[in-house]
Each structure stands twice: as C-alpha cells, then as structure tokens.
C-alpha cells in the first residue's frame, strides 16, 4: 500500500493552488485524480495535464480503478489523491483504502447546495458521505493551502 500524503476534495481537481502550494509542500510522485466522469473525459484530462507538475505521475481513474491502483502502488511512493466530491472518497474508504484524514478545499455553490463554510457548499448526499467518513474515524478538515490554519468540518451536528 502506498504512502498517501493527502486526500483532498476540491471540485477544481488539478489547478494552480494544488500545484503551486500543495505539490510544492508535499512533493508527491503520484497524483491520482479519482472521479468516474473525469476518468472518461480526455478534454478535462488534457486541460489538467497543462498545469500538472512534471515531477509526478498523474493518473485519472474511476473509483474502482483507484482502489485497485492504491492497493498495488509500492509503499515508497508518495501519493496525493484528488477527488471532486465526498462520495468518491467515501467509496475509497469503503474499499478499505487507509485514509485517515480528508482535506476539503473547494466545493462550489450549485443548485440544491448550501454553504457550510466559505467555499464549501454541500447537499444532502455530500453531508451523508461526510457523516459516513466521520463514522469511519476519518478526520475532516478544511484547509485551502498549506500553512493556513485548518478547521474541522463538523457534519455530525
């Protein structure tokens, strides 16, 4: 099993903030973008490849592919997992991927969602996924960039 440096929920996936700050801080050599829709969308992949760091292997995987891949990656690999939403991360947890903490970066406001923190908008499905992660003992933290104080996302209230 690989060394998971960061599991981050950010609906923008690979973008400037992730590359310029998180990758610089953590120095992953694998970036796994875990999302069924993006795994099948070559246009989105090409756009993200334009900003993805050259010093990391970047893969766009379905949740099932990611669970299999994470189980097979060597222990010495440093992995960053990027997911668009909490349901994808919950599926990894349910596949026994050893995720201890989930970093929440950005979840845009869309129809049917409400804001629970700045730049974090959720619907009932998102809240249910967060609650289930918390029940698995996973720490949920909001932190935009390294060095910024993290805040706990308490979804059980």
N, C-alpha and C. Protein backbone atom coordinates (compact mmCIF):
# COMPACT_ATOMS: atom_id res chain seq x y z
N UNK A 1 0.85 -1.19 0.00
CA UNK A 1 0.00 0.00 0.00
C UNK A 1 0.89 1.24 0.00
N UNK A 2 0.50 2.19 -0.73
CA UNK A 2 1.28 3.41 -0.90
C UNK A 2 1.20 4.33 0.31
N UNK A 3 2.03 5.33 0.29
CA UNK A 3 2.05 6.36 1.32
C UNK A 3 1.17 7.52 0.86
N UNK A 4 -0.04 7.60 1.39
CA UNK A 4 -0.97 8.66 0.99
C UNK A 4 -0.63 9.92 1.78
N UNK A 5 -0.11 10.92 1.07
CA UNK A 5 0.28 12.18 1.69
C UNK A 5 -0.93 13.08 1.96
N UNK A 6 -1.88 13.08 1.04
CA UNK A 6 -3.02 13.98 1.13
C UNK A 6 -4.17 13.39 0.34
N UNK A 7 -5.34 13.41 0.94
CA UNK A 7 -6.58 13.12 0.22
C UNK A 7 -7.38 14.41 0.27
N UNK A 8 -7.59 15.01 -0.88
CA UNK A 8 -8.20 16.34 -0.94
C UNK A 8 -9.46 16.31 -1.80
N UNK A 9 -10.51 16.92 -1.27
CA UNK A 9 -11.73 17.15 -2.04
C UNK A 9 -11.68 18.59 -2.52
N UNK A 10 -11.70 18.73 -3.83
CA UNK A 10 -11.66 20.05 -4.46
C UNK A 10 -12.26 19.88 -5.84
N UNK A 11 -13.42 20.46 -6.09
CA UNK A 11 -14.09 20.22 -7.35
C UNK A 11 -13.34 20.77 -8.56
N UNK A 12 -12.27 21.52 -8.31
CA UNK A 12 -11.43 22.02 -9.41
C UNK A 12 -10.34 21.01 -9.76
N UNK A 13 -10.13 20.01 -8.90
CA UNK A 13 -9.14 18.95 -9.07
C UNK A 13 -7.74 19.54 -9.22
N UNK A 14 -7.07 19.32 -10.34
CA UNK A 14 -5.72 19.88 -10.51
C UNK A 14 -5.86 21.31 -11.00
N UNK A 15 -5.32 22.25 -10.24
CA UNK A 15 -5.35 23.66 -10.61
C UNK A 15 -4.16 24.34 -9.95
N UNK A 16 -4.01 25.62 -10.18
CA UNK A 16 -2.83 26.35 -9.73
C UNK A 16 -2.51 26.21 -8.25
N UNK A 17 -3.51 26.34 -7.40
CA UNK A 17 -3.30 26.26 -5.96
C UNK A 17 -2.77 24.88 -5.53
N UNK A 18 -3.31 23.85 -6.11
CA UNK A 18 -2.85 22.49 -5.79
C UNK A 18 -1.40 22.32 -6.23
N UNK A 19 -1.09 22.76 -7.44
CA UNK A 19 0.25 22.57 -7.98
C UNK A 19 1.26 23.48 -7.29
N UNK A 20 0.95 24.76 -7.18
CA UNK A 20 1.94 25.71 -6.67
C UNK A 20 2.14 25.62 -5.17
N UNK A 21 1.16 25.13 -4.43
CA UNK A 21 1.31 25.10 -2.99
C UNK A 21 1.31 23.68 -2.41
N UNK A 22 0.28 22.88 -2.69
CA UNK A 22 0.23 21.53 -2.10
C UNK A 22 1.34 20.64 -2.64
N UNK A 23 1.54 20.64 -3.95
CA UNK A 23 2.59 19.79 -4.53
C UNK A 23 3.98 20.27 -4.11
N UNK A 24 4.15 21.57 -4.05
CA UNK A 24 5.44 22.11 -3.61
C UNK A 24 5.74 21.71 -2.17
N UNK A 25 4.73 21.73 -1.32
CA UNK A 25 4.88 21.38 0.10
C UNK A 25 5.08 19.88 0.30
N UNK A 26 4.28 19.07 -0.36
CA UNK A 26 4.27 17.63 -0.09
C UNK A 26 5.18 16.80 -1.00
N UNK A 27 5.47 17.32 -2.18
CA UNK A 27 6.33 16.64 -3.15
C UNK A 27 5.86 15.21 -3.48
N UNK A 28 4.62 15.06 -3.92
CA UNK A 28 4.15 13.72 -4.29
C UNK A 28 4.82 13.27 -5.58
N UNK A 29 4.98 11.96 -5.73
CA UNK A 29 5.45 11.47 -7.03
C UNK A 29 4.33 10.77 -7.80
N UNK A 30 3.14 10.70 -7.19
CA UNK A 30 1.92 10.23 -7.86
C UNK A 30 0.78 11.16 -7.50
N UNK A 31 0.02 11.57 -8.51
CA UNK A 31 -1.23 12.30 -8.28
C UNK A 31 -2.33 11.48 -8.92
N UNK A 32 -3.28 11.06 -8.09
CA UNK A 32 -4.41 10.29 -8.59
C UNK A 32 -5.66 11.16 -8.53
N UNK A 33 -6.20 11.47 -9.68
CA UNK A 33 -7.47 12.18 -9.78
C UNK A 33 -8.54 11.10 -9.84
N UNK A 34 -9.38 11.06 -8.80
CA UNK A 34 -10.34 9.98 -8.64
C UNK A 34 -11.74 10.53 -8.89
N UNK A 35 -12.27 10.22 -10.05
CA UNK A 35 -13.62 10.66 -10.41
C UNK A 35 -14.03 9.93 -11.67
N UNK A 36 -15.15 9.25 -11.62
CA UNK A 36 -15.59 8.44 -12.75
C UNK A 36 -15.78 9.29 -14.01
N UNK A 37 -16.36 10.48 -13.89
CA UNK A 37 -16.61 11.32 -15.06
C UNK A 37 -15.30 11.81 -15.68
N UNK A 38 -14.38 12.29 -14.87
CA UNK A 38 -13.11 12.81 -15.38
C UNK A 38 -12.27 11.68 -15.98
N UNK A 39 -12.38 10.49 -15.42
CA UNK A 39 -11.61 9.34 -15.94
C UNK A 39 -11.97 9.05 -17.40
N UNK A 40 -13.17 9.44 -17.81
CA UNK A 40 -13.59 9.21 -19.18
C UNK A 40 -13.62 10.46 -20.04
N UNK A 41 -13.08 11.56 -19.55
CA UNK A 41 -13.15 12.83 -20.28
C UNK A 41 -11.75 13.30 -20.65
N UNK A 42 -11.32 12.98 -21.87
CA UNK A 42 -9.96 13.32 -22.30
C UNK A 42 -9.72 14.82 -22.37
N UNK A 43 -10.75 15.59 -22.67
CA UNK A 43 -10.59 17.05 -22.74
C UNK A 43 -10.23 17.62 -21.37
N UNK A 44 -10.97 17.21 -20.33
CA UNK A 44 -10.64 17.68 -18.97
C UNK A 44 -9.24 17.22 -18.57
N UNK A 45 -8.89 16.00 -18.91
CA UNK A 45 -7.58 15.49 -18.57
C UNK A 45 -6.47 16.31 -19.24
N UNK A 46 -6.66 16.63 -20.52
CA UNK A 46 -5.66 17.43 -21.24
C UNK A 46 -5.49 18.80 -20.60
N UNK A 47 -6.61 19.41 -20.20
CA UNK A 47 -6.52 20.72 -19.55
C UNK A 47 -5.75 20.64 -18.23
N UNK A 48 -6.03 19.61 -17.43
CA UNK A 48 -5.33 19.47 -16.15
C UNK A 48 -3.86 19.10 -16.37
N UNK A 49 -3.58 18.34 -17.41
CA UNK A 49 -2.18 17.98 -17.70
C UNK A 49 -1.33 19.21 -17.99
N UNK A 50 -1.97 20.28 -18.49
CA UNK A 50 -1.23 21.51 -18.79
C UNK A 50 -0.63 22.14 -17.54
N UNK A 51 -1.27 21.93 -16.38
CA UNK A 51 -0.76 22.53 -15.14
C UNK A 51 -0.20 21.50 -14.17
N UNK A 52 -0.40 20.21 -14.46
CA UNK A 52 0.09 19.16 -13.56
C UNK A 52 1.61 19.22 -13.47
N UNK A 53 2.17 18.97 -12.29
CA UNK A 53 3.62 19.02 -12.15
C UNK A 53 4.30 17.91 -12.95
N UNK A 54 5.40 18.25 -13.58
CA UNK A 54 6.13 17.28 -14.42
C UNK A 54 6.81 16.20 -13.59
N UNK A 55 7.07 16.48 -12.33
CA UNK A 55 7.81 15.53 -11.49
C UNK A 55 6.91 14.51 -10.80
N UNK A 56 5.65 14.42 -11.19
CA UNK A 56 4.73 13.45 -10.60
C UNK A 56 3.97 12.73 -11.71
N UNK A 57 3.78 11.44 -11.51
CA UNK A 57 2.92 10.67 -12.41
C UNK A 57 1.49 11.07 -12.11
N UNK A 58 0.75 11.46 -13.13
CA UNK A 58 -0.65 11.87 -12.94
C UNK A 58 -1.54 10.86 -13.65
N UNK A 59 -2.53 10.34 -12.92
CA UNK A 59 -3.46 9.37 -13.46
C UNK A 59 -4.89 9.83 -13.16
N UNK A 60 -5.77 9.60 -14.12
CA UNK A 60 -7.18 9.93 -13.99
C UNK A 60 -7.93 8.60 -13.95
N UNK A 61 -8.49 8.29 -12.78
CA UNK A 61 -9.03 6.95 -12.56
C UNK A 61 -10.47 6.98 -12.04
N UNK A 62 -11.21 5.94 -12.39
CA UNK A 62 -12.51 5.75 -11.76
C UNK A 62 -12.24 5.36 -10.31
N UNK A 63 -13.26 5.38 -9.49
CA UNK A 63 -13.09 5.00 -8.09
C UNK A 63 -12.61 3.55 -7.99
N UNK A 64 -13.18 2.67 -8.77
CA UNK A 64 -12.76 1.27 -8.74
C UNK A 64 -11.30 1.11 -9.16
N UNK A 65 -10.91 1.80 -10.23
CA UNK A 65 -9.52 1.74 -10.68
C UNK A 65 -8.57 2.29 -9.62
N UNK A 66 -8.99 3.37 -8.96
CA UNK A 66 -8.15 3.99 -7.94
C UNK A 66 -7.95 3.04 -6.76
N UNK A 67 -9.01 2.38 -6.32
CA UNK A 67 -8.88 1.44 -5.20
C UNK A 67 -7.91 0.34 -5.55
N UNK A 68 -8.01 -0.20 -6.76
CA UNK A 68 -7.10 -1.25 -7.21
C UNK A 68 -5.67 -0.72 -7.28
N UNK A 69 -5.49 0.45 -7.89
CA UNK A 69 -4.16 1.04 -8.06
C UNK A 69 -3.51 1.34 -6.72
N UNK A 70 -4.26 1.94 -5.80
CA UNK A 70 -3.71 2.27 -4.49
C UNK A 70 -3.28 1.03 -3.72
N UNK A 71 -3.96 -0.07 -3.96
CA UNK A 71 -3.61 -1.32 -3.30
C UNK A 71 -2.31 -1.90 -3.87
N UNK A 72 -1.96 -1.52 -5.11
CA UNK A 72 -0.79 -2.10 -5.79
C UNK A 72 0.45 -1.20 -5.82
N UNK A 73 0.28 0.10 -5.57
CA UNK A 73 1.42 1.02 -5.62
C UNK A 73 2.39 0.68 -4.49
N UNK A 74 3.66 0.71 -4.80
CA UNK A 74 4.70 0.42 -3.80
C UNK A 74 4.62 1.35 -2.61
N UNK A 75 5.02 0.82 -1.45
CA UNK A 75 4.98 1.59 -0.19
C UNK A 75 5.84 2.85 -0.22
N UNK A 76 6.87 2.87 -1.06
CA UNK A 76 7.75 4.03 -1.07
C UNK A 76 7.23 5.18 -1.95
N UNK A 77 6.10 4.97 -2.60
CA UNK A 77 5.53 6.03 -3.43
C UNK A 77 4.75 7.01 -2.57
N UNK A 78 4.87 8.28 -2.91
CA UNK A 78 4.16 9.34 -2.17
C UNK A 78 3.00 9.81 -3.04
N UNK A 79 1.77 9.59 -2.53
CA UNK A 79 0.57 9.77 -3.34
C UNK A 79 -0.29 10.90 -2.82
N UNK A 80 -0.78 11.70 -3.77
CA UNK A 80 -1.79 12.72 -3.49
C UNK A 80 -3.06 12.27 -4.22
N UNK A 81 -4.15 12.17 -3.48
CA UNK A 81 -5.44 11.82 -4.07
C UNK A 81 -6.28 13.09 -4.17
N UNK A 82 -6.81 13.35 -5.35
CA UNK A 82 -7.69 14.49 -5.57
C UNK A 82 -9.05 13.97 -6.03
N UNK A 83 -10.10 14.35 -5.34
CA UNK A 83 -11.46 13.94 -5.68
C UNK A 83 -12.34 15.17 -5.81
N UNK A 84 -13.31 15.11 -6.69
CA UNK A 84 -14.20 16.25 -6.90
C UNK A 84 -15.23 16.40 -5.80
N UNK A 85 -15.57 15.30 -5.14
CA UNK A 85 -16.59 15.37 -4.09
C UNK A 85 -16.42 14.25 -3.08
N UNK A 86 -17.16 14.35 -1.98
CA UNK A 86 -17.00 13.39 -0.89
C UNK A 86 -17.46 11.97 -1.21
N UNK A 87 -18.38 11.79 -2.13
CA UNK A 87 -18.84 10.44 -2.44
C UNK A 87 -17.73 9.57 -3.01
N UNK A 88 -16.85 10.16 -3.83
CA UNK A 88 -15.73 9.40 -4.38
C UNK A 88 -14.77 8.96 -3.28
N UNK A 89 -14.50 9.84 -2.33
CA UNK A 89 -13.61 9.49 -1.22
C UNK A 89 -14.25 8.42 -0.35
N UNK A 90 -15.54 8.56 -0.08
CA UNK A 90 -16.22 7.56 0.74
C UNK A 90 -16.12 6.17 0.10
N UNK A 91 -16.27 6.10 -1.21
CA UNK A 91 -16.15 4.81 -1.89
C UNK A 91 -14.76 4.21 -1.69
N UNK A 92 -13.71 5.04 -1.71
CA UNK A 92 -12.36 4.54 -1.46
C UNK A 92 -12.25 4.00 -0.03
N UNK A 93 -12.82 4.73 0.91
CA UNK A 93 -12.81 4.30 2.31
C UNK A 93 -13.51 2.95 2.44
N UNK A 94 -14.64 2.82 1.76
CA UNK A 94 -15.40 1.56 1.81
C UNK A 94 -14.67 0.41 1.13
N UNK A 95 -13.69 0.74 0.28
CA UNK A 95 -12.83 -0.27 -0.35
C UNK A 95 -11.58 -0.54 0.49
N UNK A 96 -11.60 -0.04 1.73
CA UNK A 96 -10.51 -0.26 2.70
C UNK A 96 -9.19 0.42 2.34
N UNK A 97 -9.27 1.52 1.61
CA UNK A 97 -8.08 2.33 1.38
C UNK A 97 -7.83 3.08 2.68
N UNK A 98 -6.61 3.04 3.22
CA UNK A 98 -6.35 3.60 4.56
C UNK A 98 -6.24 5.13 4.57
N UNK A 99 -7.37 5.77 4.45
CA UNK A 99 -7.43 7.23 4.50
C UNK A 99 -7.76 7.62 5.94
N UNK A 100 -6.91 8.44 6.54
CA UNK A 100 -7.10 8.86 7.93
C UNK A 100 -7.69 10.26 8.04
N UNK A 101 -7.36 11.09 7.04
CA UNK A 101 -7.78 12.49 7.07
C UNK A 101 -8.17 12.91 5.67
N UNK A 102 -9.20 13.74 5.58
CA UNK A 102 -9.62 14.29 4.29
C UNK A 102 -9.55 15.81 4.39
N UNK A 103 -8.82 16.38 3.46
CA UNK A 103 -8.67 17.82 3.35
C UNK A 103 -9.74 18.32 2.38
N UNK A 104 -10.49 19.32 2.80
CA UNK A 104 -11.55 19.87 1.96
C UNK A 104 -11.14 21.26 1.52
N UNK A 105 -11.06 21.42 0.20
CA UNK A 105 -10.59 22.69 -0.35
C UNK A 105 -11.71 23.55 -0.89
N UNK A 106 -12.39 23.08 -1.92
CA UNK A 106 -13.40 23.89 -2.58
C UNK A 106 -14.52 23.00 -3.08
N UNK A 107 -15.74 23.39 -2.77
CA UNK A 107 -16.93 22.73 -3.31
C UNK A 107 -17.89 23.85 -3.69
N UNK A 108 -17.95 24.13 -4.99
CA UNK A 108 -18.72 25.27 -5.49
C UNK A 108 -20.20 25.20 -5.17
N UNK A 109 -20.78 26.38 -5.03
CA UNK A 109 -22.22 26.53 -4.84
C UNK A 109 -22.91 26.18 -6.15
N UNK A 110 -23.84 25.25 -6.06
CA UNK A 110 -24.65 24.85 -7.20
C UNK A 110 -26.08 24.71 -6.72
N UNK A 111 -27.00 24.55 -7.67
CA UNK A 111 -28.41 24.41 -7.30
C UNK A 111 -28.59 23.23 -6.35
N UNK A 112 -29.33 23.47 -5.27
CA UNK A 112 -29.60 22.44 -4.29
C UNK A 112 -28.56 22.33 -3.18
N UNK A 113 -27.54 23.17 -3.24
CA UNK A 113 -26.49 23.13 -2.22
C UNK A 113 -26.58 24.36 -1.33
N UNK A 114 -26.04 24.22 -0.12
CA UNK A 114 -25.96 25.36 0.79
C UNK A 114 -24.56 25.40 1.38
N UNK A 115 -24.14 26.59 1.74
CA UNK A 115 -22.78 26.80 2.23
C UNK A 115 -22.68 26.42 3.71
N UNK A 116 -21.68 25.59 4.04
CA UNK A 116 -21.42 25.22 5.43
C UNK A 116 -20.14 25.86 5.95
N UNK A 117 -19.35 26.40 5.04
CA UNK A 117 -18.12 27.13 5.36
C UNK A 117 -17.77 27.91 4.10
N UNK A 118 -16.89 28.90 4.21
CA UNK A 118 -16.52 29.64 2.99
C UNK A 118 -16.01 28.69 1.90
N UNK A 119 -16.58 28.80 0.71
CA UNK A 119 -16.22 28.00 -0.46
C UNK A 119 -16.52 26.51 -0.32
N UNK A 120 -17.35 26.14 0.66
CA UNK A 120 -17.75 24.74 0.84
C UNK A 120 -19.28 24.69 0.83
N UNK A 121 -19.84 24.25 -0.31
CA UNK A 121 -21.29 24.13 -0.45
C UNK A 121 -21.63 22.65 -0.61
N UNK A 122 -22.62 22.21 0.13
CA UNK A 122 -22.97 20.79 0.16
C UNK A 122 -24.47 20.58 -0.04
N UNK A 123 -24.80 19.37 -0.45
CA UNK A 123 -26.20 18.95 -0.48
C UNK A 123 -26.33 17.76 0.48
N UNK A 124 -27.49 17.17 0.53
CA UNK A 124 -27.72 16.07 1.47
C UNK A 124 -26.81 14.86 1.19
N UNK A 125 -26.54 14.57 -0.10
CA UNK A 125 -25.67 13.44 -0.43
C UNK A 125 -24.24 13.70 0.06
N UNK A 126 -23.78 14.93 -0.09
CA UNK A 126 -22.45 15.29 0.40
C UNK A 126 -22.38 15.13 1.91
N UNK A 127 -23.38 15.67 2.60
CA UNK A 127 -23.40 15.57 4.07
C UNK A 127 -23.44 14.13 4.53
N UNK A 128 -24.21 13.31 3.85
CA UNK A 128 -24.28 11.89 4.20
C UNK A 128 -22.91 11.23 4.03
N UNK A 129 -22.23 11.53 2.94
CA UNK A 129 -20.89 10.97 2.71
C UNK A 129 -19.91 11.43 3.79
N UNK A 130 -19.96 12.72 4.14
CA UNK A 130 -19.08 13.22 5.21
C UNK A 130 -19.39 12.54 6.54
N UNK A 131 -20.66 12.38 6.85
CA UNK A 131 -21.05 11.70 8.10
C UNK A 131 -20.51 10.27 8.15
N UNK A 132 -20.65 9.57 7.05
CA UNK A 132 -20.16 8.19 6.99
C UNK A 132 -18.64 8.14 7.14
N UNK A 133 -17.94 9.09 6.54
CA UNK A 133 -16.49 9.15 6.72
C UNK A 133 -16.15 9.38 8.19
N UNK A 134 -16.86 10.29 8.82
CA UNK A 134 -16.62 10.57 10.24
C UNK A 134 -16.89 9.33 11.08
N UNK A 135 -17.92 8.58 10.73
CA UNK A 135 -18.22 7.34 11.45
C UNK A 135 -17.09 6.31 11.30
N UNK A 136 -16.35 6.39 10.20
CA UNK A 136 -15.18 5.53 9.99
C UNK A 136 -13.95 6.06 10.72
N UNK A 137 -14.12 7.16 11.45
CA UNK A 137 -13.00 7.73 12.20
C UNK A 137 -12.10 8.64 11.40
N UNK A 138 -12.55 9.07 10.25
CA UNK A 138 -11.75 9.93 9.39
C UNK A 138 -11.90 11.38 9.82
N UNK A 139 -10.79 12.04 9.98
CA UNK A 139 -10.78 13.47 10.33
C UNK A 139 -11.09 14.28 9.08
N UNK A 140 -12.03 15.20 9.20
CA UNK A 140 -12.42 16.07 8.10
C UNK A 140 -11.96 17.48 8.41
N UNK A 141 -11.07 18.00 7.55
CA UNK A 141 -10.53 19.33 7.81
C UNK A 141 -10.66 20.22 6.59
N UNK A 142 -10.91 21.48 6.86
CA UNK A 142 -10.94 22.49 5.82
C UNK A 142 -9.61 23.22 5.88
N UNK A 143 -8.90 23.20 4.77
CA UNK A 143 -7.62 23.92 4.70
C UNK A 143 -7.35 24.22 3.23
N UNK A 144 -7.36 25.46 2.88
CA UNK A 144 -7.19 25.85 1.48
C UNK A 144 -5.78 25.58 0.99
N UNK A 145 -4.80 26.00 1.78
CA UNK A 145 -3.39 25.86 1.38
C UNK A 145 -2.55 25.47 2.59
N UNK A 146 -1.39 24.86 2.36
CA UNK A 146 -0.51 24.54 3.49
C UNK A 146 -0.14 25.82 4.23
N UNK A 147 0.04 25.70 5.50
CA UNK A 147 0.41 26.86 6.31
C UNK A 147 -0.80 27.63 6.83
N UNK A 148 -1.92 27.49 6.16
CA UNK A 148 -3.15 28.12 6.64
C UNK A 148 -3.71 27.25 7.76
N UNK A 149 -4.25 27.88 8.76
CA UNK A 149 -4.82 27.13 9.88
C UNK A 149 -5.98 26.25 9.36
N UNK A 150 -5.97 24.99 9.75
CA UNK A 150 -7.05 24.11 9.35
C UNK A 150 -8.20 24.20 10.34
N UNK A 151 -9.40 23.96 9.84
CA UNK A 151 -10.60 23.97 10.66
C UNK A 151 -11.29 22.62 10.49
N UNK A 152 -11.88 22.14 11.53
CA UNK A 152 -12.60 20.88 11.48
C UNK A 152 -13.96 21.11 10.82
N UNK A 153 -14.35 20.17 9.96
CA UNK A 153 -15.69 20.19 9.40
C UNK A 153 -16.53 19.27 10.25
N UNK A 154 -17.37 19.83 11.07
CA UNK A 154 -18.20 19.02 11.97
C UNK A 154 -19.56 18.85 11.32
N UNK A 155 -19.77 17.70 10.70
CA UNK A 155 -21.02 17.45 9.98
C UNK A 155 -22.01 16.64 10.82
N UNK A 156 -21.63 16.31 12.04
CA UNK A 156 -22.49 15.48 12.85
C UNK A 156 -23.50 16.29 13.65
N UNK A 157 -23.41 17.59 13.61
CA UNK A 157 -24.34 18.43 14.35
C UNK A 157 -25.62 18.61 13.61
